[in-house]
């Protein structure tokens, strides 16, 4: 199925407040820690403002002007240093604690939300894109919580304190210094908006590169078998080159931003020094007061400079917030109806009543209507019956199977189980009665025991072993060095194809579903592995309603009925022999797909 990237709308200035307000909802549970950090920052910043006053007093002592005694000044400076040390430790730990917790909460929230989204969401998006939002973007937000907010509060306090003390020392010089503020604000807004847009693009391009990396690692066997290492390297290089190019655009904006801000600050400081020197020569200002004022001005300028850097960092973080919260704002399309009821234990009768279906979600954003996959399809599968679905590729067989557990909602018509419309029952009570053995066996990186127990989390070791025996898996498991505790590797790469299939069958047996959906693997197995898998499947299907997307002759022959699907419609239905006798579509499919050494006419 086509995978498309997220359709992003680049953030406008109005998205900033929304992003920050969303982030603050995650900070709220840790407000006690935030308050402690803020108190420490306020005290530490206030103590820092005492230093310029003390230095001014030292200068006045040297020049013979009125000042505090040196021992008293030394005590004050010692207490200031000690106080800043203590408050610095408190501030750093509290903000680090909050940052780690918020990042953990955001990642958990994103992961939990992903579990609620319907299958179409994942089929349309690259794994690396989703992973990048939960990892890279959230990490970028963490730096905002641990560093940027502290820098912001510290800078605000130091700026306000410095400005107040500047006015106290010399209102004339303060007026000159304050002329700088509107200029800096305008510069920050102009550069910051552009920085945020570029930063969002950088994160998007990084997600593209992450997607390529994940796809290559997951498909490394295919890469090696086709000798496409150089091709994949070139593809990854191109993605990284695009990322670097975009990041360099961001670097250029930063490179211009900082010097422009610094130039404005230094021009103002030079003016202050010139006018301040004149006031000292005329006796309107003491040398110590001028030194104190210059320190206060430098503190204020430093705060303004930190705001410049901070503003850029926050714009980058805001781009990351946009991507993370956009993920959290994705709404599942397949949800429980308000009046949904629990599905009671079922016998397993499945009915498709004039079902039509199209993957509309693929084109929902551009108004293009997707072609229908199923067209007025009607099919009834009795409880305990085994029905094989056959047909050419793209006929709609997998779609039919996906509608039963309500991975998608029908466009028209209804799917019913024991008379219950699947849209009117609670999804979890529906799916807990359905077992699925997919064509591509999906195992998780853990032990064999954990993978089998996935079918029933409360299963005992005896239950797991019994399921493995039924799936013809127990013998090969016991031959492994660690037995049931053997790690299977990512996606089960340490096991053979037949072994993976038998583990998946054992998992389905442990779930003990009333309805079984089996998409037979088309990959070739050796004769012995195929025999063991077939025996396991027969045990699994016994006594259950079984819908099989059939690829094996033995399955087709054994089915109670065979439904032939062509272009989303049931064109023929009957037993293997009945369909062969009709000499219709099934006969042609049979001759193309299932031609074996056995005669065309099969008894039974």
Protein backbone atom coordinates (compact mmCIF):
# COMPACT_ATOMS: atom_id res chain seq x y z
CA UNK A 1 0.00 0.00 0.00
CA UNK A 2 1.21 3.52 -0.75
CA UNK A 3 2.97 5.22 2.13
CA UNK A 4 2.82 8.99 2.24
CA UNK A 5 4.54 11.37 4.64
CA UNK A 6 2.62 13.48 7.10
CA UNK A 7 1.03 16.47 5.44
CA UNK A 8 2.47 19.28 7.53
CA UNK A 9 1.29 22.85 7.69
CA UNK A 10 4.24 25.01 8.58
CA UNK A 11 3.64 26.83 11.86
CA UNK A 12 2.58 30.42 11.89
CA UNK A 13 3.25 32.86 14.69
CA UNK A 14 -0.11 31.94 16.19
CA UNK A 15 0.90 28.31 16.72
CA UNK A 16 3.49 29.28 19.32
CA UNK A 17 1.16 29.93 22.24
CA UNK A 18 -0.79 26.75 21.50
CA UNK A 19 2.39 24.67 21.48
CA UNK A 20 3.60 26.10 24.77
CA UNK A 21 0.22 25.75 26.44
CA UNK A 22 0.15 22.07 25.40
CA UNK A 23 3.63 21.58 26.85
CA UNK A 24 2.64 23.23 30.13
CA UNK A 25 -0.10 20.62 30.58
CA UNK A 26 2.71 18.06 30.81
CA UNK A 27 4.63 20.28 33.25
CA UNK A 28 1.66 20.70 35.58
CA UNK A 29 2.10 17.39 37.49
CA UNK A 30 5.60 18.54 38.44
CA UNK A 31 4.73 22.08 39.45
CA UNK A 32 6.25 21.54 42.91
CA UNK A 33 9.61 20.78 41.34
CA UNK A 34 9.18 23.71 38.96
CA UNK A 35 8.40 26.06 41.85
CA UNK A 36 11.50 24.88 43.72
CA UNK A 37 13.60 25.43 40.59
CA UNK A 38 12.10 28.89 40.04
CA UNK A 39 12.74 29.92 43.65
CA UNK A 40 16.35 28.77 43.29
CA UNK A 41 16.69 30.68 40.02
CA UNK A 42 15.19 33.84 41.52
CA UNK A 43 17.47 33.72 44.56
CA UNK A 44 20.54 32.86 42.48
CA UNK A 45 19.83 35.61 39.95
CA UNK A 46 19.20 38.13 42.72
CA UNK A 47 22.49 37.23 44.39
CA UNK A 48 24.23 37.69 41.08
CA UNK A 49 23.06 41.31 40.96
CA UNK A 50 24.85 42.03 44.25
CA UNK A 51 28.25 41.44 42.64
CA UNK A 52 28.29 44.63 40.48
CA UNK A 53 27.33 46.69 43.56
CA UNK A 54 30.18 45.14 45.54
CA UNK A 55 32.66 45.76 42.71
CA UNK A 56 31.53 49.39 42.56
CA UNK A 57 32.14 49.69 46.29
CA UNK A 58 35.67 48.31 45.83
CA UNK A 59 36.36 50.92 43.13
CA UNK A 60 35.05 53.68 45.41
CA UNK A 61 37.38 52.45 48.17
CA UNK A 62 40.31 52.69 45.77
CA UNK A 63 39.35 56.20 44.58
CA UNK A 64 38.63 57.41 48.11
CA UNK A 65 34.89 57.81 47.65
CA UNK A 66 32.34 56.65 50.24
CA UNK A 67 32.12 52.84 50.40
CA UNK A 68 31.65 49.85 52.73
CA UNK A 69 34.70 48.49 54.57
CA UNK A 70 36.65 45.78 52.72
CA UNK A 71 36.04 42.99 55.34
CA UNK A 72 32.31 43.53 55.04
CA UNK A 73 32.53 43.46 51.24
CA UNK A 74 34.51 40.20 51.40
CA UNK A 75 31.85 38.61 53.63
CA UNK A 76 29.10 39.71 51.26
CA UNK A 77 30.90 38.29 48.21
CA UNK A 78 31.58 35.02 50.05
CA UNK A 79 27.91 34.61 50.94
CA UNK A 80 26.93 35.44 47.36
CA UNK A 81 29.23 32.73 45.96
CA UNK A 82 27.97 30.15 48.47
CA UNK A 83 24.34 31.06 47.80
CA UNK A 84 24.78 30.79 44.04
CA UNK A 85 26.44 27.39 44.45
CA UNK A 86 23.52 26.02 46.49
CA UNK A 87 20.82 27.51 44.28
CA UNK A 88 22.65 26.29 41.17
CA UNK A 89 22.61 22.70 42.42
CA UNK A 90 18.90 22.89 43.32
CA UNK A 91 17.98 24.53 40.03
CA UNK A 92 19.91 22.06 37.88
CA UNK A 93 18.60 18.94 39.62
CA UNK A 94 14.97 20.07 39.76
CA UNK A 95 14.87 21.04 36.09
CA UNK A 96 16.69 17.87 35.03
CA UNK A 97 14.17 15.83 37.03
CA UNK A 98 11.25 17.62 35.39
CA UNK A 99 12.81 17.37 31.94
CA UNK A 100 13.34 13.61 32.17
CA UNK A 101 9.85 13.06 33.54
CA UNK A 102 8.14 15.22 30.93
CA UNK A 103 10.05 13.53 28.11
CA UNK A 104 9.07 10.14 29.50
CA UNK A 105 5.44 11.23 29.80
CA UNK A 106 5.43 12.59 26.25
CA UNK A 107 6.92 9.41 24.83
CA UNK A 108 4.46 7.25 26.75
CA UNK A 109 1.56 9.47 25.65
CA UNK A 110 2.68 9.24 22.02
CA UNK A 111 3.14 5.46 22.25
CA UNK A 112 -0.22 4.95 23.97
CA UNK A 113 -1.88 7.13 21.34
CA UNK A 114 -0.26 5.13 18.55
CA UNK A 115 -1.89 2.01 19.98
CA UNK A 116 -5.33 3.61 19.52
CA UNK A 117 -4.85 4.57 15.86
CA UNK A 118 -6.36 2.39 13.18
CA UNK A 119 -4.39 0.27 10.74
CA UNK A 120 -4.74 2.76 7.89
CA UNK A 121 -2.63 5.30 9.80
CA UNK A 122 0.38 2.97 9.88
CA UNK A 123 -0.07 1.73 6.33
CA UNK A 124 0.13 5.28 5.01
CA UNK A 125 3.16 6.41 7.01
CA UNK A 126 6.76 5.36 7.21
CA UNK A 127 7.96 3.74 10.39
CA UNK A 128 10.99 6.03 10.59
CA UNK A 129 8.80 9.13 10.37
CA UNK A 130 6.73 8.01 13.34
CA UNK A 131 9.82 6.90 15.28
CA UNK A 132 11.54 10.23 14.67
CA UNK A 133 8.64 12.12 16.22
CA UNK A 134 8.63 9.96 19.34
CA UNK A 135 12.43 10.07 19.75
CA UNK A 136 14.24 12.96 18.04
CA UNK A 137 11.51 15.57 18.39
CA UNK A 138 10.75 14.72 22.01
CA UNK A 139 14.47 14.91 22.83
CA UNK A 140 14.56 18.40 21.35
CA UNK A 141 11.66 19.38 23.60
CA UNK A 142 13.61 18.03 26.60
CA UNK A 143 16.38 20.59 26.09
CA UNK A 144 13.73 23.29 26.24
CA UNK A 145 12.46 22.09 29.61
CA UNK A 146 15.87 21.52 31.20
CA UNK A 147 17.77 24.50 29.78
CA UNK A 148 15.68 27.02 27.89
CA UNK A 149 13.04 27.65 30.56
CA UNK A 150 15.74 28.12 33.21
CA UNK A 151 17.66 30.48 30.95
CA UNK A 152 14.47 32.41 30.21
CA UNK A 153 13.52 32.90 33.86
CA UNK A 154 17.08 33.67 34.90
CA UNK A 155 17.46 36.15 32.07
CA UNK A 156 14.17 37.90 32.86
CA UNK A 157 15.07 38.30 36.54
CA UNK A 158 18.58 39.53 35.78
CA UNK A 159 17.30 41.89 33.12
CA UNK A 160 14.61 43.41 35.33
CA UNK A 161 16.93 43.63 38.33
CA UNK A 162 19.73 45.13 36.27
CA UNK A 163 17.41 47.72 34.69
CA UNK A 164 16.02 48.76 38.09
CA UNK A 165 19.52 49.12 39.57
CA UNK A 166 20.70 50.96 36.46
CA UNK A 167 17.93 53.52 36.97
CA UNK A 168 18.89 53.83 40.65
CA UNK A 169 22.54 54.42 39.77
CA UNK A 170 21.97 56.82 36.83
CA UNK A 171 18.68 57.57 35.16
CA UNK A 172 20.45 59.45 32.35
CA UNK A 173 22.50 56.44 31.29
CA UNK A 174 19.49 54.17 31.77
CA UNK A 175 17.48 56.11 29.21
CA UNK A 176 20.19 55.55 26.63
CA UNK A 177 20.39 51.83 27.41
CA UNK A 178 16.63 51.32 27.19
CA UNK A 179 16.61 52.67 23.64
CA UNK A 180 18.16 49.32 22.69
CA UNK A 181 15.18 47.19 23.78
CA UNK A 182 12.72 47.82 20.90
CA UNK A 183 15.51 47.22 18.38
CA UNK A 184 16.41 43.86 19.90
CA UNK A 185 12.77 42.77 20.08
CA UNK A 186 12.17 43.51 16.40
CA UNK A 187 15.36 41.69 15.39
CA UNK A 188 14.40 38.66 17.49
CA UNK A 189 10.89 38.42 16.01
CA UNK A 190 12.14 38.75 12.43
CA UNK A 191 14.86 36.13 12.74
CA UNK A 192 12.93 33.85 15.09
CA UNK A 193 10.01 33.30 12.73
CA UNK A 194 12.34 32.22 9.95
CA UNK A 195 14.33 30.04 12.28
CA UNK A 196 11.22 28.16 13.41
CA UNK A 197 10.12 27.40 9.85
CA UNK A 198 13.55 26.11 8.86
CA UNK A 199 13.89 24.08 12.07
CA UNK A 200 10.62 22.27 11.36
CA UNK A 201 11.92 21.40 7.90
CA UNK A 202 15.18 20.12 9.40
CA UNK A 203 13.24 17.73 11.64
CA UNK A 204 11.19 16.54 8.65
CA UNK A 205 14.31 15.81 6.62
CA UNK A 206 15.90 14.04 9.59
CA UNK A 207 12.79 11.86 9.80
CA UNK A 208 13.24 10.97 6.11
CA UNK A 209 16.80 9.83 6.78
CA UNK A 210 15.67 7.85 9.84
CA UNK A 211 13.05 6.09 7.70
CA UNK A 212 15.67 4.99 5.17
CA UNK A 213 17.91 3.73 7.97
CA UNK A 214 15.12 1.68 9.56
CA UNK A 215 13.97 0.25 6.23
CA UNK A 216 17.50 -0.80 5.31
CA UNK A 217 18.20 -2.44 8.65
CA UNK A 218 14.84 -4.26 8.58
CA UNK A 219 15.41 -5.43 5.01
CA UNK A 220 19.14 -6.12 5.23
CA UNK A 221 18.71 -9.63 3.77
CA UNK A 222 17.08 -8.21 0.65
CA UNK A 223 19.76 -5.52 0.40
CA UNK A 224 22.52 -8.13 0.57
CA UNK A 225 20.83 -10.62 -1.74
CA UNK A 226 20.38 -7.99 -4.47
CA UNK A 227 23.79 -6.43 -3.76
CA UNK A 228 22.20 -3.03 -3.26
CA UNK A 229 24.59 -1.81 -0.55
CA UNK A 230 25.94 0.96 -2.78
CA UNK A 231 22.42 1.96 -3.81
CA UNK A 232 21.25 2.18 -0.19
CA UNK A 233 24.37 4.13 0.80
CA UNK A 234 23.69 6.58 -2.02
CA UNK A 235 20.06 6.89 -0.96
CA UNK A 236 21.04 7.55 2.66
CA UNK A 237 23.76 9.99 1.59
CA UNK A 238 21.20 11.94 -0.44
CA UNK A 239 18.81 12.09 2.53
CA UNK A 240 21.58 13.22 4.88
CA UNK A 241 22.80 15.75 2.31
CA UNK A 242 19.31 17.24 2.15
CA UNK A 243 19.17 17.32 5.94
CA UNK A 244 22.59 18.99 6.15
CA UNK A 245 21.67 21.53 3.48
CA UNK A 246 18.55 22.50 5.40
CA UNK A 247 20.47 22.54 8.69
CA UNK A 248 23.06 24.85 7.12
CA UNK A 249 20.25 27.23 6.20
CA UNK A 250 19.35 27.24 9.88
CA UNK A 251 23.03 27.75 10.78
CA UNK A 252 23.24 30.77 8.46
CA UNK A 253 20.23 32.35 10.13
CA UNK A 254 21.81 31.74 13.54
CA UNK A 255 25.16 33.05 12.32
CA UNK A 256 23.60 36.34 11.25
CA UNK A 257 21.22 36.55 14.20
CA UNK A 258 23.84 36.53 16.98
CA UNK A 259 26.28 39.12 15.52
CA UNK A 260 23.45 41.53 14.70
CA UNK A 261 22.19 41.32 18.28
CA UNK A 262 25.72 41.64 19.67
CA UNK A 263 26.48 44.64 17.46
CA UNK A 264 23.42 46.49 18.74
CA UNK A 265 24.44 45.70 22.33
CA UNK A 266 28.06 46.79 21.92
CA UNK A 267 27.14 50.05 20.20
CA UNK A 268 24.94 50.86 23.18
CA UNK A 269 27.67 49.91 25.70
CA UNK A 270 30.21 52.13 23.93
CA UNK A 271 27.74 55.01 24.07
CA UNK A 272 27.16 54.38 27.79
CA UNK A 273 30.89 54.35 28.47
CA UNK A 274 31.42 57.63 26.63
CA UNK A 275 28.54 59.48 28.32
CA UNK A 276 29.32 57.86 31.69
CA UNK A 277 32.93 59.04 31.46
CA UNK A 278 31.68 62.55 30.85
CA UNK A 279 29.38 62.36 33.93
CA UNK A 280 32.32 61.20 36.07
CA UNK A 281 34.49 64.13 34.93
CA UNK A 282 31.70 66.58 35.76
CA UNK A 283 31.23 65.06 39.23
CA UNK A 284 27.68 63.79 38.56
CA UNK A 285 28.75 60.15 38.92
CA UNK A 286 31.43 58.39 40.96
CA UNK A 287 33.87 56.03 39.26
CA UNK A 288 32.48 53.16 41.34
CA UNK A 289 28.93 53.94 40.25
CA UNK A 290 30.03 54.00 36.60
CA UNK A 291 31.71 50.61 37.00
CA UNK A 292 28.59 49.22 38.71
CA UNK A 293 26.42 50.65 35.94
CA UNK A 294 28.62 49.09 33.26
CA UNK A 295 28.37 45.72 35.01
CA UNK A 296 24.60 46.08 35.25
CA UNK A 297 24.47 47.09 31.58
CA UNK A 298 26.63 44.09 30.69
CA UNK A 299 24.31 41.86 32.74
CA UNK A 300 21.29 43.29 30.93
CA UNK A 301 23.06 42.95 27.59
CA UNK A 302 24.04 39.38 28.44
CA UNK A 303 20.42 38.62 29.25
CA UNK A 304 19.31 40.15 25.97
CA UNK A 305 21.97 38.14 24.16
CA UNK A 306 20.85 34.95 25.89
CA UNK A 307 17.31 35.79 24.81
CA UNK A 308 18.55 35.88 21.23
CA UNK A 309 20.02 32.38 21.50
CA UNK A 310 17.10 31.22 23.61
CA UNK A 311 14.56 32.56 21.15
CA UNK A 312 16.19 30.54 18.39
CA UNK A 313 16.24 27.39 20.53
CA UNK A 314 12.61 27.85 21.46
CA UNK A 315 11.64 28.27 17.83
CA UNK A 316 13.39 24.98 17.07
CA UNK A 317 11.61 23.35 20.02
CA UNK A 318 8.33 24.80 18.82
CA UNK A 319 8.86 23.11 15.47
CA UNK A 320 9.42 19.82 17.32
CA UNK A 321 6.31 20.42 19.45
CA UNK A 322 4.29 20.97 16.29
CA UNK A 323 5.35 17.57 14.99
CA UNK A 324 4.82 15.74 18.30
CA UNK A 325 1.44 17.30 19.05
CA UNK A 326 0.33 16.76 15.45
CA UNK A 327 0.95 13.06 16.07
CA UNK A 328 -1.01 13.21 19.34
CA UNK A 329 -3.84 15.01 17.53
CA UNK A 330 -4.29 12.24 14.97
CA UNK A 331 -7.74 10.79 15.56
CA UNK A 332 -8.53 7.12 14.94
CA UNK A 333 -11.26 6.56 12.38
CA UNK A 334 -12.23 3.14 13.67
CA UNK A 335 -13.59 3.65 17.19
CA UNK A 336 -16.30 2.23 19.41
CA UNK A 337 -19.76 3.63 18.71
CA UNK A 338 -21.24 5.58 21.66
CA UNK A 339 -23.80 2.82 22.17
CA UNK A 340 -21.42 -0.09 21.48
CA UNK A 341 -22.13 -3.24 23.46
CA UNK A 342 -19.80 -6.08 24.48
CA UNK A 343 -19.79 -8.93 21.98
CA UNK A 344 -20.82 -12.08 23.86
CA UNK A 345 -19.01 -15.38 23.22
CA UNK A 346 -19.77 -16.25 19.60
CA UNK A 347 -20.32 -19.44 17.64
CA UNK A 348 -18.51 -17.87 14.69
CA UNK A 349 -21.03 -17.25 11.91
CA UNK A 350 -19.68 -14.48 9.66
CA UNK A 351 -21.83 -12.57 7.17
CA UNK A 352 -20.88 -9.99 4.57
CA UNK A 353 -24.04 -8.18 3.49
CA UNK A 354 -23.62 -6.17 0.27
CA UNK A 355 -20.27 -4.85 1.44
CA UNK A 356 -18.46 -2.17 -0.52
CA UNK A 357 -15.12 -0.78 0.56
CA UNK A 358 -12.51 1.70 -0.65
CA UNK A 359 -9.33 2.94 1.01
CA UNK A 360 -10.67 6.48 1.11
CA UNK A 361 -8.19 7.56 3.78
CA UNK A 362 -5.37 7.41 1.27
CA UNK A 363 -6.86 10.33 -0.64
CA UNK A 364 -8.89 12.05 2.05
CA UNK A 365 -6.77 15.21 1.98
CA UNK A 366 -6.82 15.93 -1.74
CA UNK A 367 -10.42 15.15 -2.62
CA UNK A 368 -9.52 12.25 -4.93
CA UNK A 369 -11.92 9.34 -4.68
CA UNK A 370 -10.17 5.99 -4.29
CA UNK A 371 -11.37 3.14 -6.50
CA UNK A 372 -13.50 0.59 -4.65
CA UNK A 373 -11.77 -2.62 -3.59
CA UNK A 374 -14.99 -4.50 -2.79
CA UNK A 375 -18.27 -4.05 -4.67
CA UNK A 376 -21.58 -5.18 -3.12
CA UNK A 377 -19.94 -8.34 -1.84
CA UNK A 378 -22.16 -10.82 -0.02
CA UNK A 379 -20.79 -13.94 1.62
CA UNK A 380 -21.92 -16.09 4.54
CA UNK A 381 -19.53 -18.35 6.44
CA UNK A 382 -21.21 -20.73 8.85
CA UNK A 383 -19.91 -21.38 12.35
CA UNK A 384 -17.12 -23.95 12.28
CA UNK A 385 -16.84 -23.82 8.50
CA UNK A 386 -13.55 -23.50 6.66
CA UNK A 387 -13.76 -21.19 3.66
CA UNK A 388 -10.82 -20.59 1.35
CA UNK A 389 -10.56 -17.29 -0.50
CA UNK A 390 -8.83 -17.53 -3.86
CA UNK A 391 -8.40 -15.04 -6.65
CA UNK A 392 -5.83 -13.00 -8.52
CA UNK A 393 -3.57 -10.57 -6.70
CA UNK A 394 -5.41 -7.37 -5.79
CA UNK A 395 -8.85 -8.99 -5.97
CA UNK A 396 -9.69 -7.98 -2.38
CA UNK A 397 -9.01 -11.19 -0.43
CA UNK A 398 -6.89 -9.54 2.27
CA UNK A 399 -9.37 -6.67 2.51
CA UNK A 400 -12.20 -9.13 3.22
CA UNK A 401 -10.12 -10.66 6.01
CA UNK A 402 -9.27 -7.21 7.43
CA UNK A 403 -12.93 -6.17 7.70
CA UNK A 404 -13.84 -9.04 10.06
CA UNK A 405 -11.76 -7.76 13.03
CA UNK A 406 -12.74 -4.24 11.96
CA UNK A 407 -9.31 -3.01 11.04
CA UNK A 408 -11.29 -0.83 8.62
CA UNK A 409 -14.94 0.19 8.43
CA UNK A 410 -16.96 -0.74 5.39
CA UNK A 411 -17.96 1.99 2.97
CA UNK A 412 -21.39 0.43 2.53
CA UNK A 413 -23.19 -2.67 3.73
CA UNK A 414 -22.29 -4.50 6.93
CA UNK A 415 -20.14 -7.25 8.39
CA UNK A 416 -21.91 -9.34 11.03
CA UNK A 417 -20.76 -11.99 13.46
CA UNK A 418 -23.55 -14.16 14.89
CA UNK A 419 -25.90 -11.40 13.72
CA UNK A 420 -24.02 -8.57 15.47
CA UNK A 421 -22.87 -5.71 13.27
CA UNK A 422 -19.15 -5.36 14.07
CA UNK A 423 -19.58 -1.56 14.15
CA UNK A 424 -22.05 -1.87 17.01
CA UNK A 425 -19.91 -3.94 19.38
CA UNK A 426 -16.91 -2.97 21.47
CA UNK A 427 -13.75 -3.46 19.44
CA UNK A 428 -11.75 -5.23 22.15
CA UNK A 429 -14.52 -7.79 22.72
CA UNK A 430 -14.63 -8.41 18.96
CA UNK A 431 -10.91 -8.86 18.43
CA UNK A 432 -10.37 -11.03 21.48
CA UNK A 433 -12.51 -13.69 19.76
CA UNK A 434 -10.58 -13.54 16.48
CA UNK A 435 -7.18 -15.08 15.84
CA UNK A 436 -4.96 -14.04 12.94
CA UNK A 437 -1.97 -15.86 11.49
CA UNK A 438 -0.54 -13.43 8.90
CA UNK A 439 1.42 -14.29 5.80
CA UNK A 440 4.50 -12.51 7.11
CA UNK A 441 5.07 -13.94 10.58
CA UNK A 442 5.73 -11.14 13.07
CA UNK A 443 7.73 -12.12 16.15
CA UNK A 444 8.95 -9.68 18.77
CA UNK A 445 12.52 -9.43 20.03
CA UNK A 446 12.28 -11.53 23.16
CA UNK A 447 12.20 -15.18 24.10
CA UNK A 448 10.19 -17.91 22.42
CA UNK A 449 8.19 -18.20 25.64
CA UNK A 450 7.30 -14.49 25.53
CA UNK A 451 6.25 -14.69 21.89
CA UNK A 452 3.91 -17.62 22.47
CA UNK A 453 2.53 -16.07 25.67
CA UNK A 454 1.58 -13.00 23.59
CA UNK A 455 -1.56 -14.94 22.67
CA UNK A 456 -2.63 -15.14 26.34
CA UNK A 457 -0.63 -13.07 28.80
CA UNK A 458 -1.82 -15.08 31.82
CA UNK A 459 -0.79 -18.42 30.34
CA UNK A 460 1.29 -20.73 32.51
CA UNK A 461 4.44 -22.46 31.29
CA UNK A 462 2.38 -25.65 30.97
CA UNK A 463 -0.15 -23.83 28.74
CA UNK A 464 2.68 -22.51 26.58
CA UNK A 465 4.24 -25.94 26.21
CA UNK A 466 0.87 -27.51 25.33
CA UNK A 467 0.30 -24.90 22.62
CA UNK A 468 3.81 -25.47 21.27
CA UNK A 469 3.21 -29.22 21.10
CA UNK A 470 -0.02 -28.69 19.14
CA UNK A 471 1.88 -26.39 16.78
CA UNK A 472 4.66 -28.97 16.24
CA UNK A 473 7.10 -26.48 17.78
CA UNK A 474 8.00 -28.18 21.07
CA UNK A 475 10.61 -30.55 19.65
CA UNK A 476 12.69 -27.94 17.86
CA UNK A 477 12.38 -25.56 20.83
CA UNK A 478 13.80 -28.20 23.18
CA UNK A 479 16.77 -28.69 20.85
CA UNK A 480 17.77 -25.03 21.22
CA UNK A 481 20.42 -24.28 23.88
CA UNK A 482 18.10 -22.08 25.95
CA UNK A 483 14.88 -23.91 25.10
CA UNK A 484 11.81 -21.73 25.57
CA UNK A 485 14.03 -18.92 26.87
CA UNK A 486 15.90 -18.68 23.56
CA UNK A 487 15.92 -15.13 22.22
CA UNK A 488 14.48 -14.98 18.71
CA UNK A 489 16.10 -11.69 17.66
CA UNK A 490 14.36 -8.77 16.02
CA UNK A 491 11.46 -10.04 13.89
CA UNK A 492 12.54 -13.60 14.74
CA UNK A 493 15.64 -13.52 12.52
CA UNK A 494 17.35 -16.29 14.54
CA UNK A 495 14.68 -18.80 13.57
CA UNK A 496 13.91 -20.38 10.21
CA UNK A 497 10.76 -19.51 8.30
CA UNK A 498 9.04 -22.74 9.28
CA UNK A 499 10.00 -22.30 12.93
CA UNK A 500 8.63 -18.75 12.96
CA UNK A 501 5.35 -19.95 11.44
CA UNK A 502 4.96 -22.65 14.07
CA UNK A 503 5.62 -20.14 16.88
CA UNK A 504 2.91 -17.91 15.37
CA UNK A 505 0.52 -20.87 15.21
CA UNK A 506 1.26 -21.74 18.86
CA UNK A 507 0.49 -18.13 19.76
CA UNK A 508 -2.87 -18.36 17.98
CA UNK A 509 -3.64 -21.72 19.64
CA UNK A 510 -3.00 -20.16 23.05
CA UNK A 511 -5.46 -17.38 22.26
CA UNK A 512 -8.10 -20.02 21.46
CA UNK A 513 -10.22 -17.84 19.14
CA UNK A 514 -13.63 -18.79 17.78
CA UNK A 515 -12.82 -17.25 14.40
CA UNK A 516 -9.49 -17.81 12.68
CA UNK A 517 -8.10 -15.76 9.81
CA UNK A 518 -5.16 -17.36 8.07
CA UNK A 519 -3.15 -15.77 5.28
CA UNK A 520 -1.01 -18.66 4.10
CA UNK A 521 2.62 -17.87 3.48
CA UNK A 522 3.68 -18.11 -0.15
CA UNK A 523 7.36 -18.58 0.73
CA UNK A 524 8.78 -21.99 -0.02
CA UNK A 525 9.50 -24.31 2.88
CA UNK A 526 11.29 -27.61 2.73
CA UNK A 527 9.00 -30.63 2.61
CA UNK A 528 9.40 -31.55 6.27
CA UNK A 529 8.79 -27.97 7.49
CA UNK A 530 5.73 -27.64 5.29
CA UNK A 531 4.35 -30.93 6.60
CA UNK A 532 4.82 -29.80 10.21
CA UNK A 533 3.24 -26.42 9.50
CA UNK A 534 0.28 -28.02 7.72
CA UNK A 535 -0.33 -30.42 10.60
CA UNK A 536 -0.20 -27.51 13.05
CA UNK A 537 -2.64 -25.50 10.95
CA UNK A 538 -5.08 -28.39 10.78
CA UNK A 539 -5.08 -28.67 14.57
CA UNK A 540 -5.51 -24.91 14.86
CA UNK A 541 -8.50 -24.80 12.50
CA UNK A 542 -10.32 -27.76 14.01
CA UNK A 543 -13.67 -26.67 15.46
CA UNK A 544 -13.20 -23.03 14.49
CA UNK A 545 -14.64 -20.81 11.80
CA UNK A 546 -11.66 -20.45 9.48
CA UNK A 547 -11.19 -17.93 6.68
CA UNK A 548 -8.09 -18.80 4.70
CA UNK A 549 -6.43 -16.78 1.97
CA UNK A 550 -5.23 -19.91 0.23
CA UNK A 551 -1.95 -20.41 -1.59
CA UNK A 552 -1.61 -24.19 -1.20
CA UNK A 553 -3.41 -26.90 -3.13
CA UNK A 554 -3.91 -28.96 0.03
CA UNK A 555 -5.73 -26.08 1.71
CA UNK A 556 -7.99 -25.51 -1.29
CA UNK A 557 -8.93 -29.18 -1.45
CA UNK A 558 -9.59 -29.42 2.28
CA UNK A 559 -11.83 -26.34 2.49
CA UNK A 560 -15.55 -26.83 3.07
CA UNK A 561 -16.15 -24.17 0.44
CA UNK A 562 -14.05 -21.99 -1.83
CA UNK A 563 -15.01 -18.39 -2.60
CA UNK A 564 -13.50 -17.05 -5.82
CA UNK A 565 -12.89 -13.29 -5.57
CA UNK A 566 -12.37 -11.24 -8.72
CA UNK A 567 -12.33 -7.41 -8.73
CA UNK A 568 -13.92 -7.24 -5.29
CA UNK A 569 -16.82 -9.57 -6.02
CA UNK A 570 -17.61 -13.22 -5.28
CA UNK A 571 -17.89 -14.70 -8.76
CA UNK A 572 -18.03 -18.39 -7.77
CA UNK A 573 -18.47 -20.37 -4.59
CA UNK A 574 -18.53 -24.09 -3.90
CA UNK A 575 -16.33 -27.04 -3.09
CA UNK A 576 -13.12 -27.73 -4.96
CA UNK A 577 -14.71 -30.45 -7.09
CA UNK A 578 -17.90 -28.47 -7.73
CA UNK A 579 -15.93 -25.50 -9.02
CA UNK A 580 -13.75 -27.65 -11.23
CA UNK A 581 -16.87 -29.25 -12.70
CA UNK A 582 -18.18 -25.81 -13.67
CA UNK A 583 -15.03 -25.14 -15.71
CA UNK A 584 -15.20 -21.42 -14.90
CA UNK A 585 -12.95 -18.83 -13.29
CA UNK A 586 -11.80 -21.19 -10.54
CA UNK A 587 -10.67 -23.79 -13.05
CA UNK A 588 -8.50 -21.22 -14.82
CA UNK A 589 -7.10 -19.95 -11.49
CA UNK A 590 -6.51 -23.51 -10.40
CA UNK A 591 -4.59 -24.32 -13.54
CA UNK A 592 -2.49 -21.16 -13.17
CA UNK A 593 -1.90 -21.12 -9.42
CA UNK A 594 -2.39 -24.65 -8.16
CA UNK A 595 -1.20 -26.81 -11.07
CA UNK A 596 0.42 -29.82 -9.49
CA UNK A 597 1.26 -33.34 -10.47
CA UNK A 598 -2.15 -34.47 -9.16
CA UNK A 599 -5.02 -34.87 -11.64
CA UNK A 600 -7.30 -31.91 -12.30
CA UNK A 601 -10.30 -33.85 -11.03
CA UNK A 602 -9.87 -34.47 -7.33
CA UNK A 603 -12.28 -36.68 -5.49
CA UNK A 604 -13.71 -35.31 -2.24
